[in-house]
N, C-alpha and C. Protein backbone atom coordinates (compact mmCIF):
# COMPACT_ATOMS: atom_id res chain seq x y z
N MET A 1 25.55 -7.90 20.38
CA MET A 1 24.44 -8.35 19.79
C MET A 1 25.19 -10.02 19.49
N SER A 2 24.60 -11.13 19.58
CA SER A 2 24.95 -12.38 19.00
C SER A 2 23.53 -12.89 18.61
N PHE A 3 23.62 -12.82 17.31
CA PHE A 3 22.37 -13.84 16.80
C PHE A 3 23.19 -15.07 15.82
N LYS A 4 22.49 -16.01 15.68
CA LYS A 4 22.54 -17.13 14.86
C LYS A 4 21.98 -16.86 13.64
N PHE A 5 22.77 -16.61 12.62
CA PHE A 5 22.22 -16.63 11.32
C PHE A 5 22.36 -17.76 10.19
N GLU A 6 23.08 -18.83 10.84
CA GLU A 6 23.45 -19.91 10.09
C GLU A 6 22.34 -20.61 9.07
N ASN A 7 21.17 -20.43 9.57
CA ASN A 7 19.82 -21.07 8.80
C ASN A 7 19.06 -20.14 8.15
N LEU A 8 19.82 -18.91 7.76
CA LEU A 8 19.06 -17.83 7.01
C LEU A 8 19.64 -17.93 5.71
N SER A 9 18.82 -17.58 5.03
CA SER A 9 19.10 -17.42 3.06
C SER A 9 18.57 -16.00 2.72
N VAL A 10 19.57 -15.46 2.39
CA VAL A 10 19.23 -13.75 2.08
C VAL A 10 19.60 -13.64 0.59
N LEU A 11 18.74 -12.77 -0.16
CA LEU A 11 18.93 -12.36 -1.44
C LEU A 11 19.39 -11.00 -1.45
N ILE A 12 20.87 -10.62 -2.12
CA ILE A 12 21.25 -9.02 -2.45
C ILE A 12 21.07 -8.71 -3.49
N VAL A 13 20.20 -7.67 -3.92
CA VAL A 13 20.03 -7.08 -5.15
C VAL A 13 20.27 -5.76 -5.39
N GLU A 14 21.93 -5.58 -6.03
CA GLU A 14 22.38 -4.45 -5.86
C GLU A 14 23.39 -4.21 -7.04
N ASP A 15 23.27 -3.41 -7.96
CA ASP A 15 23.72 -2.96 -9.16
C ASP A 15 25.35 -2.83 -9.13
N THR A 16 25.74 -2.14 -8.04
CA THR A 16 27.11 -1.58 -8.11
C THR A 16 28.04 -3.06 -7.24
N VAL A 17 28.78 -3.40 -8.05
CA VAL A 17 29.72 -4.19 -7.63
C VAL A 17 30.45 -4.29 -6.53
N PRO A 18 31.01 -3.26 -6.18
CA PRO A 18 31.76 -3.20 -4.62
C PRO A 18 30.78 -3.21 -3.65
N MET A 19 29.52 -2.56 -3.78
CA MET A 19 28.63 -2.50 -2.57
C MET A 19 28.12 -3.98 -2.57
N ARG A 20 28.00 -4.56 -3.52
CA ARG A 20 27.22 -5.78 -3.58
C ARG A 20 28.40 -6.69 -2.76
N LYS A 21 29.41 -6.76 -3.34
CA LYS A 21 30.86 -7.55 -2.40
C LYS A 21 30.52 -7.28 -1.17
N LEU A 22 30.63 -5.92 -0.74
CA LEU A 22 30.92 -5.68 0.88
C LEU A 22 29.40 -6.15 1.58
N VAL A 23 28.25 -6.02 1.03
CA VAL A 23 26.97 -6.46 1.54
C VAL A 23 27.26 -8.37 1.50
N ILE A 24 27.72 -8.65 0.81
CA ILE A 24 27.84 -10.22 0.73
C ILE A 24 29.01 -10.53 1.74
N SER A 25 30.10 -9.89 1.87
CA SER A 25 31.04 -10.01 2.99
C SER A 25 30.61 -9.94 4.27
N VAL A 26 29.84 -8.65 4.79
CA VAL A 26 29.11 -8.80 5.75
C VAL A 26 28.03 -9.89 6.17
N LEU A 27 27.44 -10.06 5.16
CA LEU A 27 26.55 -11.21 5.51
C LEU A 27 27.23 -12.66 5.62
N ASP A 28 28.42 -12.79 5.09
CA ASP A 28 29.32 -14.05 5.26
C ASP A 28 29.90 -13.60 6.60
N THR A 29 30.41 -12.82 7.15
CA THR A 29 30.80 -12.49 8.57
C THR A 29 30.00 -12.86 9.35
N LEU A 30 28.69 -12.16 9.42
CA LEU A 30 27.71 -12.43 10.35
C LEU A 30 27.29 -14.16 10.41
N GLY A 31 27.70 -14.72 9.32
CA GLY A 31 27.37 -16.43 9.45
C GLY A 31 26.09 -16.70 8.70
N VAL A 32 25.42 -15.79 7.99
CA VAL A 32 24.32 -16.19 7.03
C VAL A 32 24.72 -17.32 6.19
N GLY A 33 23.52 -18.29 6.16
CA GLY A 33 24.09 -19.35 5.72
C GLY A 33 23.86 -19.61 4.34
N ARG A 34 23.07 -18.70 3.65
CA ARG A 34 23.22 -19.26 2.27
C ARG A 34 22.74 -17.85 1.61
N ILE A 35 23.70 -17.11 0.66
CA ILE A 35 23.29 -15.92 0.07
C ILE A 35 23.54 -15.96 -1.19
N PHE A 36 22.43 -15.25 -1.71
CA PHE A 36 22.28 -15.46 -3.27
C PHE A 36 22.28 -13.69 -3.60
N SER A 37 22.87 -13.38 -4.84
CA SER A 37 22.89 -12.20 -5.47
C SER A 37 22.67 -11.93 -6.77
N ALA A 38 21.64 -10.54 -6.94
CA ALA A 38 21.47 -10.38 -8.59
C ALA A 38 21.79 -9.15 -8.45
N VAL A 39 22.07 -8.67 -10.12
CA VAL A 39 22.63 -7.11 -10.31
C VAL A 39 21.39 -5.99 -10.66
N ASP A 40 20.17 -6.75 -10.76
CA ASP A 40 19.01 -5.74 -10.98
C ASP A 40 17.97 -6.56 -10.57
N GLY A 41 16.77 -5.61 -10.53
CA GLY A 41 15.56 -6.18 -10.10
C GLY A 41 14.72 -7.67 -10.73
N GLU A 42 15.02 -7.10 -12.01
CA GLU A 42 14.78 -8.35 -12.83
C GLU A 42 15.20 -9.86 -12.49
N THR A 43 16.36 -9.82 -12.57
CA THR A 43 17.26 -10.95 -12.18
C THR A 43 17.11 -11.28 -10.86
N GLY A 44 16.83 -10.39 -9.52
CA GLY A 44 16.47 -10.59 -8.39
C GLY A 44 15.16 -11.23 -8.40
N PHE A 45 14.12 -10.72 -9.05
CA PHE A 45 12.72 -11.42 -8.79
C PHE A 45 12.92 -13.12 -9.43
N ASP A 46 13.95 -13.26 -10.71
CA ASP A 46 14.08 -14.71 -11.11
C ASP A 46 14.48 -15.36 -9.72
N ILE A 47 15.78 -14.87 -9.03
CA ILE A 47 16.52 -15.79 -8.00
C ILE A 47 15.49 -15.97 -6.95
N PHE A 48 14.55 -14.83 -6.69
CA PHE A 48 13.68 -15.15 -5.37
C PHE A 48 12.62 -16.12 -5.89
N CYS A 49 12.35 -16.06 -7.11
CA CYS A 49 11.27 -17.11 -7.34
C CYS A 49 11.92 -18.63 -7.24
N LYS A 50 13.23 -18.70 -7.53
CA LYS A 50 13.89 -20.10 -7.64
C LYS A 50 14.28 -20.12 -6.31
N GLU A 51 14.60 -19.49 -5.45
CA GLU A 51 15.69 -20.09 -4.44
C GLU A 51 14.71 -19.68 -2.95
N LYS A 52 13.81 -18.82 -3.23
CA LYS A 52 12.79 -18.49 -2.10
C LYS A 52 13.59 -18.19 -0.62
N PRO A 53 14.55 -17.19 -0.73
CA PRO A 53 14.86 -16.21 0.37
C PRO A 53 14.30 -16.06 1.56
N ASP A 54 14.83 -16.30 2.67
CA ASP A 54 14.32 -15.68 3.99
C ASP A 54 14.04 -14.08 3.93
N ILE A 55 15.04 -13.52 3.55
CA ILE A 55 15.13 -12.21 3.48
C ILE A 55 15.63 -11.56 2.16
N ILE A 56 15.15 -10.31 1.73
CA ILE A 56 15.59 -9.44 0.28
C ILE A 56 16.37 -8.30 0.70
N ILE A 57 17.27 -8.19 0.49
CA ILE A 57 17.99 -6.64 0.67
C ILE A 57 18.38 -6.15 -0.36
N THR A 58 17.65 -4.91 -0.91
CA THR A 58 17.75 -4.39 -2.53
C THR A 58 18.31 -2.98 -2.39
N ASP A 59 18.91 -2.71 -3.34
CA ASP A 59 19.19 -1.34 -3.68
C ASP A 59 18.05 -0.64 -4.01
N TRP A 60 17.97 0.61 -4.08
CA TRP A 60 16.78 1.25 -4.56
C TRP A 60 16.78 1.82 -6.09
N HIS A 61 18.06 2.21 -6.55
CA HIS A 61 18.28 2.59 -7.76
C HIS A 61 18.85 1.73 -8.44
N MET A 62 18.47 1.03 -9.65
CA MET A 62 18.81 0.03 -10.50
C MET A 62 18.07 0.02 -11.91
N ILE A 63 19.13 -0.22 -12.80
CA ILE A 63 18.04 -0.26 -14.04
C ILE A 63 18.37 -1.90 -14.83
N PRO A 64 17.30 -2.55 -15.42
CA PRO A 64 16.33 -1.95 -15.97
C PRO A 64 15.00 -1.55 -14.78
N MET A 65 14.86 -2.46 -13.61
CA MET A 65 14.18 -2.69 -12.75
C MET A 65 14.76 -2.45 -11.39
N SER A 66 14.22 -0.97 -10.83
CA SER A 66 14.48 -0.73 -9.28
C SER A 66 14.34 -1.40 -8.40
N GLY A 67 14.60 -1.06 -6.93
CA GLY A 67 14.44 -1.71 -6.04
C GLY A 67 13.00 -1.70 -5.79
N ILE A 68 12.33 -0.25 -5.88
CA ILE A 68 10.62 -0.17 -5.57
C ILE A 68 10.09 -1.00 -6.57
N GLU A 69 10.62 -0.96 -7.87
CA GLU A 69 9.50 -2.14 -8.66
C GLU A 69 9.67 -3.13 -8.50
N LEU A 70 11.02 -3.72 -7.87
CA LEU A 70 11.08 -5.09 -7.29
C LEU A 70 9.92 -5.29 -6.13
N VAL A 71 10.12 -4.56 -5.11
CA VAL A 71 9.25 -4.49 -4.12
C VAL A 71 7.72 -4.67 -4.38
N ASN A 72 7.41 -3.96 -5.61
CA ASN A 72 5.91 -4.09 -6.02
C ASN A 72 5.78 -5.41 -6.58
N LYS A 73 6.63 -5.99 -7.39
CA LYS A 73 6.58 -7.26 -7.99
C LYS A 73 6.65 -8.43 -7.04
N ILE A 74 6.91 -8.15 -6.10
CA ILE A 74 7.01 -9.23 -4.85
C ILE A 74 6.01 -9.09 -4.20
N ARG A 75 5.48 -8.36 -4.02
CA ARG A 75 4.29 -7.78 -3.09
C ARG A 75 2.75 -8.15 -3.89
N LEU A 76 2.97 -7.77 -5.21
CA LEU A 76 1.94 -8.10 -6.01
C LEU A 76 1.67 -8.84 -7.14
N ASP A 77 2.64 -9.53 -7.71
CA ASP A 77 2.71 -10.67 -8.78
C ASP A 77 2.31 -11.58 -8.48
N SER A 78 1.68 -12.39 -9.38
CA SER A 78 0.91 -13.44 -8.75
C SER A 78 1.79 -14.81 -8.99
N ALA A 79 2.94 -14.44 -9.43
CA ALA A 79 4.08 -15.60 -9.63
C ALA A 79 4.92 -15.21 -8.39
N SER A 80 4.99 -14.66 -7.45
CA SER A 80 5.42 -14.41 -6.82
C SER A 80 5.49 -15.41 -5.34
N PRO A 81 6.47 -16.01 -5.13
CA PRO A 81 6.31 -17.40 -4.13
C PRO A 81 6.16 -17.00 -2.50
N ASN A 82 6.63 -15.94 -2.15
CA ASN A 82 6.19 -15.16 -1.01
C ASN A 82 6.07 -13.70 -0.57
N LYS A 83 4.85 -13.51 -1.07
CA LYS A 83 4.55 -11.92 -0.90
C LYS A 83 5.11 -11.35 0.23
N MET A 84 4.86 -12.10 1.12
CA MET A 84 5.16 -11.49 2.88
C MET A 84 7.03 -11.69 3.19
N VAL A 85 7.69 -11.80 2.38
CA VAL A 85 8.84 -11.88 2.55
C VAL A 85 9.49 -10.58 3.14
N PRO A 86 10.36 -10.53 4.22
CA PRO A 86 11.04 -9.33 4.58
C PRO A 86 12.09 -8.65 3.61
N ILE A 87 11.60 -7.34 3.27
CA ILE A 87 12.56 -6.86 2.31
C ILE A 87 13.07 -5.34 3.10
N ILE A 88 14.66 -5.41 3.06
CA ILE A 88 15.22 -4.40 3.47
C ILE A 88 15.69 -3.64 2.19
N MET A 89 15.28 -2.25 2.26
CA MET A 89 15.64 -1.12 1.18
C MET A 89 16.78 -0.49 1.60
N MET A 90 17.54 -0.27 0.61
CA MET A 90 18.89 0.23 0.78
C MET A 90 18.97 1.16 0.03
N THR A 91 19.57 2.35 0.22
CA THR A 91 19.87 3.93 -0.58
C THR A 91 20.58 4.73 0.00
N GLY A 92 21.08 5.69 -0.68
CA GLY A 92 21.90 6.75 -0.42
C GLY A 92 21.13 7.99 0.14
N TYR A 93 19.99 7.90 -0.21
CA TYR A 93 19.28 9.19 -0.02
C TYR A 93 18.39 8.50 1.26
N SER A 94 18.37 9.74 2.24
CA SER A 94 17.65 9.33 3.61
C SER A 94 16.57 10.42 3.75
N ALA A 95 16.15 11.08 2.84
CA ALA A 95 15.10 12.26 3.01
C ALA A 95 13.70 11.48 3.21
N MET A 96 13.02 11.94 4.34
CA MET A 96 12.01 11.31 4.79
C MET A 96 10.76 10.83 3.53
N PRO A 97 10.61 11.78 2.22
CA PRO A 97 9.72 11.18 1.44
C PRO A 97 10.40 9.96 0.63
N ARG A 98 11.74 9.95 0.52
CA ARG A 98 12.01 8.56 0.25
C ARG A 98 11.87 7.11 1.10
N VAL A 99 11.92 7.70 2.37
CA VAL A 99 11.70 6.73 3.65
C VAL A 99 10.12 6.21 3.56
N SER A 100 9.42 7.19 3.02
CA SER A 100 7.66 7.06 3.07
C SER A 100 7.76 6.25 1.74
N GLU A 101 7.96 6.66 0.63
CA GLU A 101 7.95 5.86 -0.51
C GLU A 101 8.05 4.48 -0.55
N ALA A 102 9.04 3.96 0.05
CA ALA A 102 9.82 2.68 0.25
C ALA A 102 8.36 2.24 1.21
N ARG A 103 8.40 2.55 2.45
CA ARG A 103 7.10 1.98 3.20
C ARG A 103 5.88 1.91 2.48
N ASP A 104 5.63 2.87 1.57
CA ASP A 104 4.39 2.88 1.15
C ASP A 104 4.36 1.81 -0.05
N CYS A 105 5.08 1.59 -0.44
CA CYS A 105 5.42 0.10 -1.35
C CYS A 105 5.61 -0.87 -0.97
N GLY A 106 5.89 -0.98 0.18
CA GLY A 106 5.77 -2.79 0.84
C GLY A 106 7.11 -2.81 1.78
N ALA A 107 8.27 -2.23 1.73
CA ALA A 107 9.35 -2.45 2.07
C ALA A 107 9.28 -2.80 3.38
N THR A 108 9.64 -3.66 4.29
CA THR A 108 9.98 -4.05 5.50
C THR A 108 10.56 -3.01 6.38
N GLU A 109 11.82 -2.47 5.84
CA GLU A 109 12.74 -2.05 6.67
C GLU A 109 13.64 -1.17 5.73
N PHE A 110 14.31 0.05 6.25
CA PHE A 110 14.89 0.96 5.37
C PHE A 110 16.55 1.15 5.88
N LEU A 111 17.37 1.07 5.09
CA LEU A 111 18.79 0.81 5.43
C LEU A 111 19.38 2.17 4.59
N VAL A 112 20.28 3.10 5.46
CA VAL A 112 20.98 4.23 4.74
C VAL A 112 22.31 4.02 4.43
N LYS A 113 22.71 4.13 3.23
CA LYS A 113 24.27 3.91 2.67
C LYS A 113 24.98 5.36 3.30
N PRO A 114 25.98 5.25 3.86
CA PRO A 114 26.55 4.05 4.07
C PRO A 114 26.39 3.33 5.43
N PHE A 115 26.49 2.36 5.50
CA PHE A 115 25.79 1.66 7.11
C PHE A 115 26.87 0.72 7.70
N SER A 116 27.13 0.48 8.78
CA SER A 116 28.01 -0.36 9.36
C SER A 116 27.49 -1.84 9.12
N ALA A 117 28.16 -2.35 9.77
CA ALA A 117 27.77 -4.15 9.73
C ALA A 117 26.95 -4.42 10.72
N ASN A 118 27.02 -3.47 11.61
CA ASN A 118 25.99 -3.93 12.76
C ASN A 118 24.62 -3.22 12.64
N ASP A 119 24.76 -2.17 12.00
CA ASP A 119 23.00 -1.41 11.36
C ASP A 119 22.58 -2.97 10.45
N LEU A 120 23.63 -3.52 9.69
CA LEU A 120 22.73 -4.36 8.79
C LEU A 120 22.27 -5.68 9.75
N ALA A 121 23.14 -5.73 10.77
CA ALA A 121 22.74 -6.99 11.48
C ALA A 121 21.75 -6.84 12.70
N ARG A 122 21.34 -5.38 12.64
CA ARG A 122 20.44 -5.12 13.34
C ARG A 122 18.74 -5.07 12.80
N ARG A 123 19.16 -4.73 11.00
CA ARG A 123 17.66 -5.06 10.53
C ARG A 123 17.60 -6.00 10.41
N ILE A 124 18.34 -6.94 10.14
CA ILE A 124 18.04 -8.45 10.10
C ILE A 124 17.52 -8.89 11.21
N ALA A 125 17.77 -9.07 12.41
CA ALA A 125 17.36 -9.27 13.77
C ALA A 125 16.14 -8.69 13.62
N TYR A 126 15.87 -7.21 13.44
CA TYR A 126 14.68 -6.77 13.41
C TYR A 126 13.38 -7.39 12.86
N VAL A 127 13.80 -7.66 11.43
CA VAL A 127 12.78 -8.58 10.91
C VAL A 127 12.28 -9.65 11.10
N ILE A 128 13.34 -10.68 12.05
CA ILE A 128 13.13 -11.83 12.50
C ILE A 128 12.36 -12.04 13.54
N ASN A 129 13.10 -10.77 14.68
CA ASN A 129 12.35 -10.84 16.21
C ASN A 129 11.19 -10.31 16.13
N LYS A 130 10.88 -9.18 15.11
CA LYS A 130 9.43 -8.45 15.51
C LYS A 130 8.73 -8.57 14.18
N PRO A 131 8.37 -9.71 13.30
CA PRO A 131 7.79 -9.61 12.35
C PRO A 131 6.72 -8.73 12.55
N ARG A 132 6.10 -7.82 11.45
CA ARG A 132 5.03 -7.16 11.47
C ARG A 132 4.01 -7.76 10.53
N ASP A 133 2.44 -7.32 10.94
CA ASP A 133 1.29 -7.66 10.41
C ASP A 133 1.28 -7.43 9.29
N PHE A 134 0.70 -8.37 8.03
CA PHE A 134 0.40 -7.35 6.78
C PHE A 134 -1.04 -6.99 6.36
N ILE A 135 -0.88 -6.02 5.89
CA ILE A 135 -2.17 -5.08 5.41
C ILE A 135 -2.49 -5.34 4.22
N GLU A 136 -3.56 -5.72 3.77
CA GLU A 136 -4.04 -5.88 2.25
C GLU A 136 -5.29 -4.99 2.13
N THR A 137 -5.33 -4.26 1.55
CA THR A 137 -6.40 -3.05 1.22
C THR A 137 -6.34 -2.90 -0.36
N ASP A 138 -7.45 -1.87 -1.26
CA ASP A 138 -7.29 -1.94 -2.56
C ASP A 138 -6.06 -1.71 -3.16
N ASP A 139 -5.32 -0.87 -2.27
CA ASP A 139 -4.22 0.04 -3.22
C ASP A 139 -2.76 -0.22 -2.62
N PHE A 140 -2.75 -1.48 -1.47
CA PHE A 140 -1.71 -1.64 -0.94
C PHE A 140 -1.49 -2.86 -0.43
N PHE A 141 -0.46 -3.48 -0.19
CA PHE A 141 -0.18 -4.73 0.24
C PHE A 141 1.42 -4.68 0.87
N GLY A 142 1.46 -4.93 2.17
CA GLY A 142 2.78 -5.01 2.64
C GLY A 142 2.49 -5.04 4.10
N PRO A 143 3.59 -4.72 4.82
CA PRO A 143 3.79 -4.66 6.19
C PRO A 143 3.30 -3.71 6.75
N ASP A 144 2.55 -3.78 8.08
CA ASP A 144 1.75 -2.54 8.72
C ASP A 144 2.79 -1.46 8.77
N ARG A 145 2.31 -0.24 8.42
CA ARG A 145 3.11 0.79 8.00
C ARG A 145 2.89 1.58 9.17
N ARG A 146 2.30 1.62 10.26
CA ARG A 146 1.93 2.10 11.63
C ARG A 146 2.91 1.47 12.45
N ARG A 147 3.88 2.02 12.78
CA ARG A 147 4.90 1.57 13.85
C ARG A 147 4.84 2.23 15.39
N ARG A 148 4.37 3.43 15.52
CA ARG A 148 4.34 4.18 16.65
C ARG A 148 3.37 3.60 17.70
N LYS A 149 3.64 3.47 18.93
CA LYS A 149 3.24 2.95 19.67
C LYS A 149 2.62 4.33 20.62
N LEU A 150 1.27 4.78 20.65
CA LEU A 150 0.97 6.05 21.24
C LEU A 150 0.63 5.61 22.49
N ASP A 151 1.65 5.64 23.50
CA ASP A 151 0.75 5.51 25.04
C ASP A 151 -0.07 6.06 25.65
N ASN A 152 -0.75 7.41 25.27
CA ASN A 152 -1.71 8.39 25.67
C ASN A 152 -2.75 8.44 24.84
N TYR A 153 -2.89 7.32 23.74
CA TYR A 153 -4.11 7.16 22.85
C TYR A 153 -4.93 5.88 23.57
N ASN A 154 -6.18 5.87 23.69
CA ASN A 154 -6.89 4.90 24.56
C ASN A 154 -8.31 4.83 23.25
N GLY A 155 -8.45 5.39 22.18
CA GLY A 155 -9.28 4.77 21.50
C GLY A 155 -9.20 3.68 20.55
N PRO A 156 -10.22 3.31 19.69
CA PRO A 156 -9.94 1.72 19.25
C PRO A 156 -9.07 1.96 17.83
N TYR A 157 -8.88 2.97 17.58
CA TYR A 157 -7.99 3.32 16.23
C TYR A 157 -6.96 4.43 16.24
N ARG A 158 -6.26 4.54 15.40
CA ARG A 158 -4.42 5.04 15.70
C ARG A 158 -4.73 6.23 14.68
N ARG A 159 -5.45 6.00 13.55
CA ARG A 159 -5.56 6.81 12.51
C ARG A 159 -6.69 8.29 12.70
N ASP A 160 -6.39 9.26 12.27
CA ASP A 160 -6.95 10.92 12.57
C ASP A 160 -8.39 10.19 11.78
N GLN A 161 -8.23 9.76 10.58
CA GLN A 161 -9.84 9.43 9.81
C GLN A 161 -10.64 8.63 10.29
N ASP A 162 -9.78 7.76 11.22
CA ASP A 162 -10.64 6.49 11.73
C ASP A 162 -11.29 7.31 12.87
N ARG A 163 -10.92 8.23 13.49
CA ARG A 163 -11.61 8.81 14.57
C ARG A 163 -12.72 9.63 14.48
N LYS A 164 -13.21 9.74 13.29
CA LYS A 164 -14.19 10.98 12.88
C LYS A 164 -15.58 10.23 12.91
């Protein structure tokens, strides 16, 4: 996989120093042009508003503002400069309810720790090369959560409740 990331700017929001340094090192090795970092969601949102990075990589569990709260703020707050910025959620928990919660709050991609440099590069390349449409409803704003393509479905809708 050979991508050129030199024009890319990425914000890492991670409260654990060794993990933050590791992600920064991986991004530097990948050739990412500008790398910003924050220790929590509040600081991350401030840096996001000031620097307007192309991609955000955030940890889930942080205090005082978690990654989930950060995603919600980016997607819904009127002060957000780019509500459609790709957000990669990192966590040590891979259970399906966690993946669903991250997706349902508006995270673009999900990355389980520990991960390889190649895993991170793939997520970044995916959000660049396969951007997802954004959906806005009364209770959701974020990337389209429907990812599966059903080859055998010929109808106009993909949800069960739409077909009734």
